[in-house]
């Protein structure tokens, strides 16, 4: 799409199309290169829009990826709800939370960048909207988690869900290291133990949390 054709759009529908095009470009680049390696200029180039004009739709690069993170939270909610629809037991809850995260690699990458990058350099309205959405998603997931494993209270389910997202954000980059670290691991198998497998490690953590929360009442 040429810059001139893109800039001529004026209707609300076309403005929404522009936002979607920017988000799609940012998503493609992140899936290819990782969130941390994508610049605002790179997104602008990918979508065929002058960098200065991206700011008409998103204040900063971080706000673009914060919106994609919000989409990720909603996608995770849908996936977990579906998995827990006819499930029961603590293992089913752990599997649902962990395995659905594995199917959302971009979301996991975004979770790993939230507190160190994406929640910086954003406006107060963007931050508030994002935090409200996260709050609502976690609240929506509490019911299905408690229904599947009634041993947990609603507040304990909230801790478990929040912990699953937080631990995914920690484990994902560790389990998917850059090429230099992969080369180090290949050369020194002893050091490769520092690269924990994502799903088994996440499930072990969540299993410990599920077992431990009721004992802390």
N, C-alpha and C. Protein backbone atom coordinates (compact mmCIF):
# COMPACT_ATOMS: atom_id res chain seq x y z
N UNK A 1 0.85 -1.20 0.00
CA UNK A 1 0.00 0.00 0.00
C UNK A 1 0.88 1.24 0.00
N UNK A 2 0.63 2.20 -0.90
CA UNK A 2 1.44 3.41 -0.95
C UNK A 2 1.08 4.34 0.19
N UNK A 3 2.06 5.23 0.52
CA UNK A 3 1.80 6.18 1.59
C UNK A 3 0.62 7.08 1.24
N UNK A 4 0.57 7.55 0.00
CA UNK A 4 -0.49 8.49 -0.36
C UNK A 4 -1.86 7.85 -0.27
N UNK A 5 -1.97 6.60 -0.73
CA UNK A 5 -3.27 5.93 -0.66
C UNK A 5 -3.67 5.71 0.78
N UNK A 6 -2.70 5.40 1.59
CA UNK A 6 -2.99 5.13 2.99
C UNK A 6 -3.46 6.39 3.71
N UNK A 7 -2.85 7.52 3.39
CA UNK A 7 -3.15 8.76 4.10
C UNK A 7 -4.46 9.41 3.65
N UNK A 8 -4.97 9.03 2.49
CA UNK A 8 -6.21 9.65 2.01
C UNK A 8 -7.44 9.20 2.79
N UNK A 9 -7.35 8.08 3.48
CA UNK A 9 -8.51 7.57 4.21
C UNK A 9 -8.91 8.54 5.31
N UNK A 10 -10.19 8.79 5.43
CA UNK A 10 -10.67 9.75 6.43
C UNK A 10 -11.83 9.21 7.27
N UNK A 11 -12.55 8.24 6.79
CA UNK A 11 -13.74 7.76 7.49
C UNK A 11 -13.33 6.96 8.73
N UNK A 12 -14.24 6.84 9.71
CA UNK A 12 -13.94 6.00 10.89
C UNK A 12 -13.56 4.57 10.51
N UNK A 13 -14.21 4.04 9.46
CA UNK A 13 -13.90 2.68 9.04
C UNK A 13 -12.47 2.59 8.54
N UNK A 14 -12.06 3.58 7.76
CA UNK A 14 -10.70 3.56 7.23
C UNK A 14 -9.67 3.80 8.34
N UNK A 15 -10.01 4.61 9.31
CA UNK A 15 -9.10 4.83 10.43
C UNK A 15 -8.91 3.54 11.22
N UNK A 16 -10.00 2.78 11.39
CA UNK A 16 -9.88 1.50 12.07
C UNK A 16 -9.05 0.53 11.24
N UNK A 17 -9.20 0.58 9.92
CA UNK A 17 -8.39 -0.26 9.06
C UNK A 17 -6.91 0.07 9.20
N UNK A 18 -6.61 1.34 9.36
CA UNK A 18 -5.21 1.74 9.55
C UNK A 18 -4.66 1.17 10.84
N UNK A 19 -5.45 1.28 11.91
CA UNK A 19 -5.00 0.72 13.19
C UNK A 19 -4.76 -0.78 13.07
N UNK A 20 -5.67 -1.46 12.41
CA UNK A 20 -5.53 -2.90 12.24
C UNK A 20 -4.30 -3.24 11.39
N UNK A 21 -4.04 -2.42 10.38
CA UNK A 21 -2.87 -2.65 9.54
C UNK A 21 -1.58 -2.47 10.34
N UNK A 22 -1.55 -1.47 11.20
CA UNK A 22 -0.37 -1.24 12.05
C UNK A 22 -0.18 -2.40 13.01
N UNK A 23 -1.25 -2.84 13.63
CA UNK A 23 -1.17 -3.97 14.56
C UNK A 23 -0.71 -5.24 13.84
N UNK A 24 -1.25 -5.47 12.64
CA UNK A 24 -0.86 -6.66 11.89
C UNK A 24 0.62 -6.62 11.53
N UNK A 25 1.11 -5.44 11.14
CA UNK A 25 2.52 -5.31 10.82
C UNK A 25 3.39 -5.56 12.04
N UNK A 26 3.00 -4.99 13.17
CA UNK A 26 3.76 -5.19 14.41
C UNK A 26 3.75 -6.65 14.81
N UNK A 27 2.62 -7.32 14.61
CA UNK A 27 2.51 -8.74 14.95
C UNK A 27 3.44 -9.58 14.07
N UNK A 28 3.44 -9.31 12.77
CA UNK A 28 4.30 -10.06 11.85
C UNK A 28 5.77 -9.90 12.23
N UNK A 29 6.18 -8.68 12.48
CA UNK A 29 7.58 -8.43 12.80
C UNK A 29 7.97 -9.09 14.12
N UNK A 30 7.09 -9.04 15.10
CA UNK A 30 7.40 -9.63 16.40
C UNK A 30 7.52 -11.14 16.30
N UNK A 31 6.67 -11.76 15.52
CA UNK A 31 6.72 -13.22 15.35
C UNK A 31 8.00 -13.64 14.63
N UNK A 32 8.52 -12.75 13.80
CA UNK A 32 9.74 -13.07 13.06
C UNK A 32 11.00 -12.76 13.86
N UNK A 33 11.01 -11.61 14.52
CA UNK A 33 12.25 -11.12 15.14
C UNK A 33 12.21 -11.04 16.66
N UNK A 34 11.03 -11.20 17.27
CA UNK A 34 10.90 -11.00 18.71
C UNK A 34 10.50 -9.58 19.01
N UNK A 35 9.67 -9.40 20.01
CA UNK A 35 9.12 -8.08 20.34
C UNK A 35 10.21 -7.05 20.59
N UNK A 36 11.22 -7.43 21.36
CA UNK A 36 12.25 -6.47 21.76
C UNK A 36 13.05 -5.92 20.59
N UNK A 37 13.05 -6.61 19.46
CA UNK A 37 13.87 -6.20 18.33
C UNK A 37 13.12 -5.36 17.30
N UNK A 38 11.85 -5.06 17.58
CA UNK A 38 11.04 -4.31 16.61
C UNK A 38 10.98 -2.85 17.02
N UNK A 39 11.31 -1.97 16.10
CA UNK A 39 11.25 -0.53 16.35
C UNK A 39 9.99 0.07 15.75
N UNK A 40 9.68 1.29 16.16
CA UNK A 40 8.53 1.99 15.58
C UNK A 40 8.77 2.22 14.09
N UNK A 41 10.00 2.54 13.75
CA UNK A 41 10.32 2.74 12.34
C UNK A 41 10.14 1.47 11.53
N UNK A 42 10.48 0.35 12.13
CA UNK A 42 10.30 -0.93 11.44
C UNK A 42 8.84 -1.22 11.19
N UNK A 43 7.98 -0.93 12.17
CA UNK A 43 6.54 -1.13 12.00
C UNK A 43 6.02 -0.22 10.89
N UNK A 44 6.44 1.05 10.91
CA UNK A 44 5.99 2.00 9.89
C UNK A 44 6.39 1.53 8.50
N UNK A 45 7.61 1.06 8.37
CA UNK A 45 8.09 0.58 7.07
C UNK A 45 7.30 -0.64 6.62
N UNK A 46 7.03 -1.54 7.54
CA UNK A 46 6.31 -2.77 7.21
C UNK A 46 4.89 -2.48 6.74
N UNK A 47 4.26 -1.47 7.34
CA UNK A 47 2.86 -1.18 7.00
C UNK A 47 2.75 -0.20 5.83
N UNK A 48 3.89 0.42 5.42
CA UNK A 48 3.86 1.36 4.32
C UNK A 48 3.33 2.72 4.70
N UNK A 49 3.75 3.19 5.89
CA UNK A 49 3.28 4.47 6.41
C UNK A 49 4.48 5.22 6.97
N UNK A 50 4.49 6.53 6.79
CA UNK A 50 5.56 7.33 7.38
C UNK A 50 5.55 7.18 8.89
N UNK A 51 6.74 7.11 9.48
CA UNK A 51 6.86 6.88 10.92
C UNK A 51 6.08 7.92 11.72
N UNK A 52 6.15 9.18 11.30
CA UNK A 52 5.46 10.24 12.04
C UNK A 52 3.96 10.05 12.05
N UNK A 53 3.43 9.39 11.02
CA UNK A 53 1.98 9.21 10.93
C UNK A 53 1.48 8.03 11.76
N UNK A 54 2.38 7.13 12.14
CA UNK A 54 1.95 6.04 13.03
C UNK A 54 1.43 6.62 14.33
N UNK A 55 2.03 7.75 14.75
CA UNK A 55 1.61 8.42 15.99
C UNK A 55 0.20 8.95 15.96
N UNK A 56 -0.41 9.01 14.79
CA UNK A 56 -1.81 9.42 14.72
C UNK A 56 -2.73 8.35 15.30
N UNK A 57 -2.23 7.12 15.34
CA UNK A 57 -3.06 6.00 15.77
C UNK A 57 -2.57 5.35 17.06
N UNK A 58 -1.26 5.41 17.29
CA UNK A 58 -0.68 4.89 18.52
C UNK A 58 0.40 5.87 18.96
N UNK A 59 0.35 6.25 20.24
CA UNK A 59 1.29 7.25 20.71
C UNK A 59 2.74 6.81 20.63
N UNK A 60 3.01 5.52 20.90
CA UNK A 60 4.38 5.01 20.94
C UNK A 60 4.41 3.57 20.46
N UNK A 61 5.61 3.08 20.21
CA UNK A 61 5.80 1.66 19.89
C UNK A 61 5.22 0.79 21.00
N UNK A 62 5.45 1.20 22.25
CA UNK A 62 4.99 0.42 23.38
C UNK A 62 3.47 0.30 23.41
N UNK A 63 2.77 1.35 23.01
CA UNK A 63 1.31 1.29 22.99
C UNK A 63 0.79 0.34 21.92
N UNK A 64 1.53 0.21 20.82
CA UNK A 64 1.15 -0.78 19.80
C UNK A 64 1.20 -2.18 20.41
N UNK A 65 2.31 -2.48 21.06
CA UNK A 65 2.48 -3.83 21.60
C UNK A 65 1.63 -4.05 22.85
N UNK A 66 1.30 -2.98 23.56
CA UNK A 66 0.40 -3.14 24.68
C UNK A 66 -0.98 -3.56 24.19
N UNK A 67 -1.40 -3.03 23.05
CA UNK A 67 -2.69 -3.44 22.50
C UNK A 67 -2.65 -4.89 22.04
N UNK A 68 -1.53 -5.32 21.47
CA UNK A 68 -1.39 -6.73 21.10
C UNK A 68 -1.37 -7.62 22.34
N UNK A 69 -0.79 -7.12 23.42
CA UNK A 69 -0.82 -7.87 24.68
C UNK A 69 -2.25 -8.00 25.19
N UNK A 70 -3.03 -6.94 25.04
CA UNK A 70 -4.44 -7.01 25.44
C UNK A 70 -5.18 -8.06 24.62
N UNK A 71 -4.90 -8.12 23.32
CA UNK A 71 -5.51 -9.16 22.49
C UNK A 71 -5.08 -10.55 22.96
N UNK A 72 -3.81 -10.65 23.36
CA UNK A 72 -3.31 -11.93 23.84
C UNK A 72 -4.03 -12.39 25.10
N UNK A 73 -4.28 -11.47 26.02
CA UNK A 73 -5.03 -11.83 27.23
C UNK A 73 -6.42 -12.35 26.86
N UNK A 74 -7.06 -11.70 25.91
CA UNK A 74 -8.40 -12.14 25.52
C UNK A 74 -8.36 -13.50 24.82
N UNK A 75 -7.34 -13.72 24.00
CA UNK A 75 -7.21 -15.02 23.34
C UNK A 75 -6.96 -16.12 24.37
N UNK A 76 -6.13 -15.81 25.37
CA UNK A 76 -5.85 -16.80 26.42
C UNK A 76 -7.12 -17.12 27.20
N UNK A 77 -7.89 -16.09 27.53
CA UNK A 77 -9.16 -16.32 28.24
C UNK A 77 -10.04 -17.28 27.45
N UNK A 78 -10.21 -17.04 26.17
CA UNK A 78 -11.07 -17.89 25.35
C UNK A 78 -10.55 -19.33 25.33
N UNK A 79 -9.24 -19.49 25.20
CA UNK A 79 -8.67 -20.83 25.12
C UNK A 79 -8.82 -21.58 26.43
N UNK A 80 -8.59 -20.90 27.56
CA UNK A 80 -8.70 -21.56 28.86
C UNK A 80 -10.15 -21.93 29.16
N UNK A 81 -11.06 -21.03 28.89
CA UNK A 81 -12.48 -21.31 29.12
C UNK A 81 -12.91 -22.54 28.34
N UNK A 82 -12.48 -22.63 27.09
CA UNK A 82 -12.83 -23.78 26.26
C UNK A 82 -12.24 -25.06 26.83
N UNK A 83 -10.99 -25.01 27.27
CA UNK A 83 -10.33 -26.21 27.82
C UNK A 83 -10.99 -26.68 29.11
N UNK A 84 -11.50 -25.74 29.90
CA UNK A 84 -12.07 -26.10 31.20
C UNK A 84 -13.57 -26.37 31.16
N UNK A 85 -14.14 -26.29 29.99
CA UNK A 85 -15.60 -26.40 29.88
C UNK A 85 -16.12 -27.71 30.48
N UNK A 86 -15.44 -28.80 30.20
CA UNK A 86 -15.87 -30.10 30.72
C UNK A 86 -14.76 -30.77 31.53
N UNK A 87 -13.87 -29.97 32.08
CA UNK A 87 -12.72 -30.51 32.79
C UNK A 87 -12.95 -30.47 34.30
N UNK A 88 -12.19 -31.30 35.02
CA UNK A 88 -12.25 -31.26 36.48
C UNK A 88 -10.93 -31.76 37.04
N UNK A 89 -10.61 -31.27 38.23
CA UNK A 89 -9.39 -31.70 38.90
C UNK A 89 -8.25 -30.70 38.75
N UNK A 90 -7.32 -30.74 39.68
CA UNK A 90 -6.22 -29.78 39.66
C UNK A 90 -5.30 -29.98 38.47
N UNK A 91 -5.09 -31.21 38.04
CA UNK A 91 -4.23 -31.45 36.89
C UNK A 91 -4.84 -30.85 35.62
N UNK A 92 -6.15 -30.94 35.51
CA UNK A 92 -6.82 -30.37 34.34
C UNK A 92 -6.67 -28.85 34.33
N UNK A 93 -6.74 -28.23 35.51
CA UNK A 93 -6.57 -26.79 35.60
C UNK A 93 -5.15 -26.39 35.20
N UNK A 94 -4.18 -27.11 35.75
CA UNK A 94 -2.77 -26.82 35.43
C UNK A 94 -2.52 -26.99 33.93
N UNK A 95 -3.01 -28.10 33.37
CA UNK A 95 -2.81 -28.35 31.95
C UNK A 95 -3.46 -27.26 31.10
N UNK A 96 -4.66 -26.85 31.49
CA UNK A 96 -5.37 -25.83 30.71
C UNK A 96 -4.62 -24.51 30.71
N UNK A 97 -4.16 -24.08 31.87
CA UNK A 97 -3.45 -22.80 31.96
C UNK A 97 -2.13 -22.85 31.21
N UNK A 98 -1.39 -23.93 31.38
CA UNK A 98 -0.04 -24.00 30.79
C UNK A 98 -0.07 -24.27 29.29
N UNK A 99 -0.85 -25.26 28.89
CA UNK A 99 -0.83 -25.67 27.49
C UNK A 99 -1.43 -24.63 26.56
N UNK A 100 -2.39 -23.88 27.05
CA UNK A 100 -2.94 -22.80 26.21
C UNK A 100 -1.90 -21.68 26.03
N UNK A 101 -1.09 -21.44 27.05
CA UNK A 101 -0.04 -20.44 26.91
C UNK A 101 0.98 -20.88 25.86
N UNK A 102 1.26 -22.16 25.81
CA UNK A 102 2.22 -22.66 24.82
C UNK A 102 1.75 -22.39 23.40
N UNK A 103 0.44 -22.37 23.19
CA UNK A 103 -0.10 -22.13 21.84
C UNK A 103 -0.08 -20.65 21.48
N UNK A 104 0.31 -19.79 22.39
CA UNK A 104 0.30 -18.34 22.17
C UNK A 104 1.71 -17.76 22.37
N UNK A 105 2.66 -18.11 21.49
CA UNK A 105 4.04 -17.66 21.69
C UNK A 105 4.21 -16.15 21.69
N UNK A 106 3.47 -15.45 20.85
CA UNK A 106 3.59 -13.99 20.84
C UNK A 106 3.11 -13.42 22.17
N UNK A 107 2.03 -13.95 22.71
CA UNK A 107 1.53 -13.49 24.00
C UNK A 107 2.58 -13.72 25.08
N UNK A 108 3.22 -14.89 25.07
CA UNK A 108 4.27 -15.16 26.06
C UNK A 108 5.43 -14.19 25.91
N UNK A 109 5.81 -13.90 24.68
CA UNK A 109 6.88 -12.93 24.43
C UNK A 109 6.47 -11.56 24.96
N UNK A 110 5.23 -11.17 24.71
CA UNK A 110 4.74 -9.88 25.20
C UNK A 110 4.71 -9.85 26.73
N UNK A 111 4.31 -10.95 27.36
CA UNK A 111 4.31 -11.01 28.82
C UNK A 111 5.71 -10.80 29.37
N UNK A 112 6.70 -11.34 28.66
CA UNK A 112 8.09 -11.20 29.12
C UNK A 112 8.59 -9.76 29.02
N UNK A 113 7.93 -8.95 28.20
CA UNK A 113 8.36 -7.57 27.98
C UNK A 113 7.54 -6.53 28.75
N UNK A 114 6.47 -6.98 29.40
CA UNK A 114 5.52 -6.02 29.96
C UNK A 114 6.15 -5.06 30.96
N UNK A 115 6.66 -5.59 32.07
CA UNK A 115 7.10 -4.71 33.15
C UNK A 115 8.42 -4.02 32.84
N UNK A 116 9.24 -4.63 31.99
CA UNK A 116 10.54 -4.03 31.69
C UNK A 116 10.50 -3.05 30.53
N UNK A 117 9.46 -3.14 29.69
CA UNK A 117 9.45 -2.31 28.49
C UNK A 117 8.07 -1.75 28.15
N UNK A 118 7.10 -2.63 27.96
CA UNK A 118 5.83 -2.20 27.35
C UNK A 118 4.98 -1.33 28.26
N UNK A 119 5.18 -1.42 29.58
CA UNK A 119 4.42 -0.56 30.49
C UNK A 119 5.14 0.76 30.76
N UNK A 120 6.20 1.01 30.02
CA UNK A 120 6.91 2.29 30.06
C UNK A 120 6.60 3.05 28.78
N UNK A 121 6.76 4.35 28.81
CA UNK A 121 6.57 5.19 27.63
C UNK A 121 5.18 5.04 27.03
N UNK A 122 4.18 5.00 27.91
CA UNK A 122 2.78 4.92 27.46
C UNK A 122 1.97 5.98 28.20
N UNK A 123 0.82 6.31 27.66
CA UNK A 123 -0.03 7.31 28.29
C UNK A 123 -0.81 6.70 29.44
N UNK A 124 -1.29 7.55 30.34
CA UNK A 124 -2.12 7.08 31.45
C UNK A 124 -3.40 6.42 30.94
N UNK A 125 -4.10 6.99 29.95
CA UNK A 125 -5.31 6.31 29.45
C UNK A 125 -5.00 4.92 28.87
N UNK A 126 -3.89 4.79 28.15
CA UNK A 126 -3.53 3.48 27.59
C UNK A 126 -3.22 2.49 28.70
N UNK A 127 -2.50 2.95 29.72
CA UNK A 127 -2.17 2.08 30.85
C UNK A 127 -3.42 1.65 31.60
N UNK A 128 -4.32 2.60 31.83
CA UNK A 128 -5.55 2.29 32.57
C UNK A 128 -6.40 1.28 31.81
N UNK A 129 -6.56 1.50 30.51
CA UNK A 129 -7.37 0.60 29.70
C UNK A 129 -6.79 -0.81 29.72
N UNK A 130 -5.47 -0.91 29.62
CA UNK A 130 -4.83 -2.22 29.62
C UNK A 130 -5.02 -2.92 30.96
N UNK A 131 -4.80 -2.21 32.05
CA UNK A 131 -4.91 -2.82 33.38
C UNK A 131 -6.35 -3.24 33.67
N UNK A 132 -7.32 -2.46 33.22
CA UNK A 132 -8.72 -2.86 33.39
C UNK A 132 -9.01 -4.14 32.63
N UNK A 133 -8.47 -4.24 31.42
CA UNK A 133 -8.72 -5.43 30.63
C UNK A 133 -8.11 -6.66 31.31
N UNK A 134 -6.87 -6.54 31.78
CA UNK A 134 -6.22 -7.67 32.46
C UNK A 134 -7.03 -8.07 33.70
N UNK A 135 -7.47 -7.08 34.46
CA UNK A 135 -8.28 -7.36 35.65
C UNK A 135 -9.54 -8.13 35.28
N UNK A 136 -10.20 -7.70 34.20
CA UNK A 136 -11.45 -8.35 33.79
C UNK A 136 -11.21 -9.77 33.28
N UNK A 137 -10.13 -9.97 32.54
CA UNK A 137 -9.83 -11.31 32.04
C UNK A 137 -9.57 -12.28 33.19
N UNK A 138 -8.76 -11.85 34.15
CA UNK A 138 -8.47 -12.72 35.29
C UNK A 138 -9.75 -13.02 36.07
N UNK A 139 -10.59 -11.99 36.25
CA UNK A 139 -11.87 -12.21 36.95
C UNK A 139 -12.74 -13.20 36.19
N UNK A 140 -12.75 -13.11 34.86
CA UNK A 140 -13.56 -14.02 34.05
C UNK A 140 -13.07 -15.46 34.15
N UNK A 141 -11.77 -15.64 34.35
CA UNK A 141 -11.20 -16.98 34.41
C UNK A 141 -11.36 -17.64 35.78
N UNK A 142 -11.59 -16.84 36.81
CA UNK A 142 -11.71 -17.41 38.17
C UNK A 142 -12.85 -18.42 38.25
N UNK A 143 -13.99 -18.10 37.67
CA UNK A 143 -15.14 -18.99 37.75
C UNK A 143 -14.87 -20.37 37.15
N UNK A 144 -14.38 -20.44 35.91
CA UNK A 144 -14.07 -21.74 35.32
C UNK A 144 -13.01 -22.52 36.10
N UNK A 145 -12.01 -21.83 36.64
CA UNK A 145 -10.97 -22.52 37.40
C UNK A 145 -11.56 -23.12 38.68
N UNK A 146 -12.35 -22.34 39.41
CA UNK A 146 -12.96 -22.83 40.64
C UNK A 146 -13.97 -23.94 40.34
N UNK A 147 -14.71 -23.82 39.25
CA UNK A 147 -15.66 -24.87 38.88
C UNK A 147 -14.95 -26.18 38.60
N UNK A 148 -13.77 -26.09 37.99
CA UNK A 148 -13.02 -27.30 37.67
C UNK A 148 -12.31 -27.87 38.89
N UNK A 149 -11.94 -26.99 39.83
CA UNK A 149 -11.24 -27.46 41.03
C UNK A 149 -11.74 -26.66 42.23
N UNK A 150 -12.87 -27.06 42.81
CA UNK A 150 -13.53 -26.28 43.88
C UNK A 150 -12.73 -26.18 45.17
N UNK A 151 -11.63 -26.91 45.27
CA UNK A 151 -10.78 -26.77 46.46
C UNK A 151 -10.25 -25.35 46.57
N UNK A 152 -10.08 -24.70 45.44
CA UNK A 152 -9.58 -23.33 45.43
C UNK A 152 -10.71 -22.34 45.66
N UNK A 153 -10.41 -21.29 46.41
CA UNK A 153 -11.34 -20.16 46.53
C UNK A 153 -11.15 -19.26 45.32
N UNK A 154 -12.04 -18.30 45.18
CA UNK A 154 -11.92 -17.39 44.04
C UNK A 154 -10.64 -16.57 44.12
N UNK A 155 -10.28 -16.12 45.32
CA UNK A 155 -9.05 -15.34 45.46
C UNK A 155 -7.82 -16.19 45.16
N UNK A 156 -7.87 -17.47 45.53
CA UNK A 156 -6.75 -18.37 45.24
C UNK A 156 -6.67 -18.65 43.73
N UNK A 157 -7.82 -18.77 43.10
CA UNK A 157 -7.82 -18.94 41.64
C UNK A 157 -7.21 -17.72 40.97
N UNK A 158 -7.51 -16.55 41.50
CA UNK A 158 -6.94 -15.32 40.93
C UNK A 158 -5.42 -15.33 41.05
N UNK A 159 -4.92 -15.77 42.20
CA UNK A 159 -3.47 -15.85 42.38
C UNK A 159 -2.85 -16.85 41.42
N UNK A 160 -3.52 -17.96 41.22
CA UNK A 160 -3.00 -18.99 40.32
C UNK A 160 -2.94 -18.48 38.89
N UNK A 161 -3.99 -17.84 38.44
CA UNK A 161 -4.05 -17.33 37.07
C UNK A 161 -2.99 -16.25 36.85
N UNK A 162 -2.91 -15.32 37.80
CA UNK A 162 -1.90 -14.27 37.70
C UNK A 162 -0.49 -14.86 37.71
N UNK A 163 -0.30 -15.87 38.55
CA UNK A 163 1.00 -16.52 38.63
C UNK A 163 1.36 -17.24 37.35
N UNK A 164 0.38 -17.85 36.70
CA UNK A 164 0.63 -18.54 35.44
C UNK A 164 1.13 -17.57 34.38
N UNK A 165 0.47 -16.42 34.28
CA UNK A 165 0.90 -15.42 33.30
C UNK A 165 2.27 -14.86 33.64
N UNK A 166 2.49 -14.57 34.91
CA UNK A 166 3.78 -14.02 35.32
C UNK A 166 4.91 -15.01 35.07
N UNK A 167 4.70 -16.27 35.44
CA UNK A 167 5.74 -17.27 35.26
C UNK A 167 5.99 -17.55 33.79
N UNK A 168 4.95 -17.50 32.97
CA UNK A 168 5.14 -17.67 31.53
C UNK A 168 6.04 -16.56 31.00
N UNK A 169 5.84 -15.34 31.50
CA UNK A 169 6.67 -14.23 31.07
C UNK A 169 8.12 -14.39 31.47
N UNK A 170 8.36 -15.07 32.59
CA UNK A 170 9.73 -15.33 33.05
C UNK A 170 10.35 -16.49 32.27
N UNK A 171 9.61 -17.57 32.13
CA UNK A 171 10.15 -18.79 31.55
C UNK A 171 10.32 -18.73 30.04
N UNK A 172 9.44 -17.99 29.37
CA UNK A 172 9.47 -18.00 27.91
C UNK A 172 10.81 -17.55 27.34
N UNK A 173 11.35 -16.40 27.74
CA UNK A 173 12.65 -16.01 27.17
C UNK A 173 13.79 -16.91 27.62
N UNK A 174 13.69 -17.47 28.83
CA UNK A 174 14.74 -18.38 29.30
C UNK A 174 14.73 -19.67 28.47
N UNK A 175 13.54 -20.15 28.17
CA UNK A 175 13.41 -21.37 27.40
C UNK A 175 13.57 -21.18 25.90
N UNK A 176 13.61 -19.93 25.45
CA UNK A 176 13.79 -19.62 24.03
C UNK A 176 14.92 -18.59 23.90
N UNK A 177 16.15 -19.01 24.22
CA UNK A 177 17.27 -18.06 24.27
C UNK A 177 17.73 -17.62 22.88
N UNK A 178 18.46 -16.51 22.80
CA UNK A 178 19.00 -16.06 21.51
C UNK A 178 20.08 -17.00 21.00
N UNK A 179 20.45 -16.79 19.74
CA UNK A 179 21.38 -17.71 19.07
C UNK A 179 22.72 -17.83 19.77
N UNK A 180 23.21 -16.74 20.34
CA UNK A 180 24.50 -16.80 21.02
C UNK A 180 24.45 -17.75 22.22
N UNK A 181 23.37 -17.65 22.99
CA UNK A 181 23.23 -18.52 24.16
C UNK A 181 23.00 -19.96 23.74
N UNK A 182 22.26 -20.17 22.65
CA UNK A 182 22.07 -21.52 22.14
C UNK A 182 23.40 -22.15 21.75
N UNK A 183 24.27 -21.34 21.16
CA UNK A 183 25.59 -21.86 20.79
C UNK A 183 26.40 -22.24 22.02
N UNK A 184 26.31 -21.42 23.07
CA UNK A 184 27.00 -21.73 24.32
C UNK A 184 26.50 -23.05 24.88
N UNK A 185 25.19 -23.24 24.89
CA UNK A 185 24.61 -24.49 25.40
C UNK A 185 25.06 -25.69 24.58
N UNK A 186 25.14 -25.50 23.25
CA UNK A 186 25.56 -26.60 22.39
C UNK A 186 27.01 -26.98 22.66
N UNK A 187 27.83 -25.98 22.97
CA UNK A 187 29.25 -26.23 23.22
C UNK A 187 29.50 -26.77 24.63
N UNK A 188 28.60 -26.45 25.55
CA UNK A 188 28.80 -26.85 26.94
C UNK A 188 27.50 -27.43 27.48
N UNK A 189 27.27 -28.72 27.31
CA UNK A 189 26.01 -29.35 27.75
C UNK A 189 25.71 -29.14 29.23
N UNK A 190 26.74 -28.97 30.03
CA UNK A 190 26.50 -28.75 31.46
C UNK A 190 25.72 -27.46 31.68
N UNK A 191 26.02 -26.46 30.88
CA UNK A 191 25.31 -25.18 31.00
C UNK A 191 23.90 -25.25 30.44
N UNK A 192 23.64 -26.23 29.60
CA UNK A 192 22.31 -26.34 28.99
C UNK A 192 21.23 -26.58 30.02
N UNK A 193 21.63 -27.01 31.22
CA UNK A 193 20.65 -27.19 32.31
C UNK A 193 20.03 -25.86 32.72
N UNK A 194 20.67 -24.75 32.33
CA UNK A 194 20.13 -23.43 32.63
C UNK A 194 18.98 -23.05 31.71
N UNK A 195 18.66 -23.92 30.76
CA UNK A 195 17.58 -23.66 29.81
C UNK A 195 16.43 -24.62 30.09
N UNK A 196 15.56 -24.28 31.05
CA UNK A 196 14.48 -25.21 31.43
C UNK A 196 13.43 -25.32 30.33
N UNK A 197 12.90 -26.52 30.11
CA UNK A 197 11.83 -26.67 29.11
C UNK A 197 10.58 -25.92 29.57
N UNK A 198 9.99 -25.18 28.66
CA UNK A 198 8.92 -24.24 29.02
C UNK A 198 7.72 -24.93 29.68
N UNK A 199 7.10 -25.88 29.00
CA UNK A 199 5.86 -26.46 29.52
C UNK A 199 6.08 -27.30 30.78
N UNK A 200 7.03 -28.23 30.80
CA UNK A 200 7.22 -29.01 32.04
C UNK A 200 7.53 -28.14 33.25
N UNK A 201 8.33 -27.10 33.05
CA UNK A 201 8.69 -26.23 34.17
C UNK A 201 7.49 -25.41 34.63
N UNK A 202 6.74 -24.89 33.67
CA UNK A 202 5.55 -24.11 34.01
C UNK A 202 4.52 -24.97 34.74
N UNK A 203 4.31 -26.20 34.26
CA UNK A 203 3.35 -27.08 34.92
C UNK A 203 3.80 -27.43 36.34
N UNK A 204 5.09 -27.66 36.52
CA UNK A 204 5.60 -27.99 37.85
C UNK A 204 5.36 -26.83 38.82
N UNK A 205 5.62 -25.63 38.33
CA UNK A 205 5.39 -24.44 39.16
C UNK A 205 3.91 -24.30 39.52
N UNK A 206 3.05 -24.44 38.53
CA UNK A 206 1.62 -24.27 38.78
C UNK A 206 1.08 -25.37 39.68
N UNK A 207 1.60 -26.58 39.52
CA UNK A 207 1.17 -27.68 40.39
C UNK A 207 1.53 -27.38 41.84
N UNK A 208 2.72 -26.81 42.05
CA UNK A 208 3.13 -26.45 43.41
C UNK A 208 2.24 -25.35 43.98
N UNK A 209 1.89 -24.39 43.14
CA UNK A 209 1.02 -23.29 43.59
C UNK A 209 -0.37 -23.82 43.93
N UNK A 210 -0.93 -24.67 43.08
CA UNK A 210 -2.26 -25.23 43.33
C UNK A 210 -2.27 -26.01 44.65
N UNK A 211 -1.21 -26.79 44.89
CA UNK A 211 -1.15 -27.58 46.10
C UNK A 211 -0.92 -26.72 47.34
N UNK A 212 -0.17 -25.64 47.16
CA UNK A 212 0.22 -24.85 48.32
C UNK A 212 -0.76 -23.79 48.76
N UNK A 213 -1.52 -23.23 47.85
CA UNK A 213 -2.41 -22.13 48.19
C UNK A 213 -3.39 -22.47 49.31
N UNK A 214 -4.10 -23.60 49.26
CA UNK A 214 -5.06 -23.89 50.33
C UNK A 214 -4.38 -24.05 51.71
N UNK A 215 -3.10 -24.40 51.74
CA UNK A 215 -2.42 -24.59 53.04
C UNK A 215 -2.07 -23.27 53.69
N UNK A 216 -2.18 -22.18 52.94
CA UNK A 216 -1.80 -20.85 53.44
C UNK A 216 -2.97 -20.07 53.99
N UNK A 217 -4.14 -20.66 54.02
CA UNK A 217 -5.33 -19.94 54.49
C UNK A 217 -5.21 -19.61 55.97
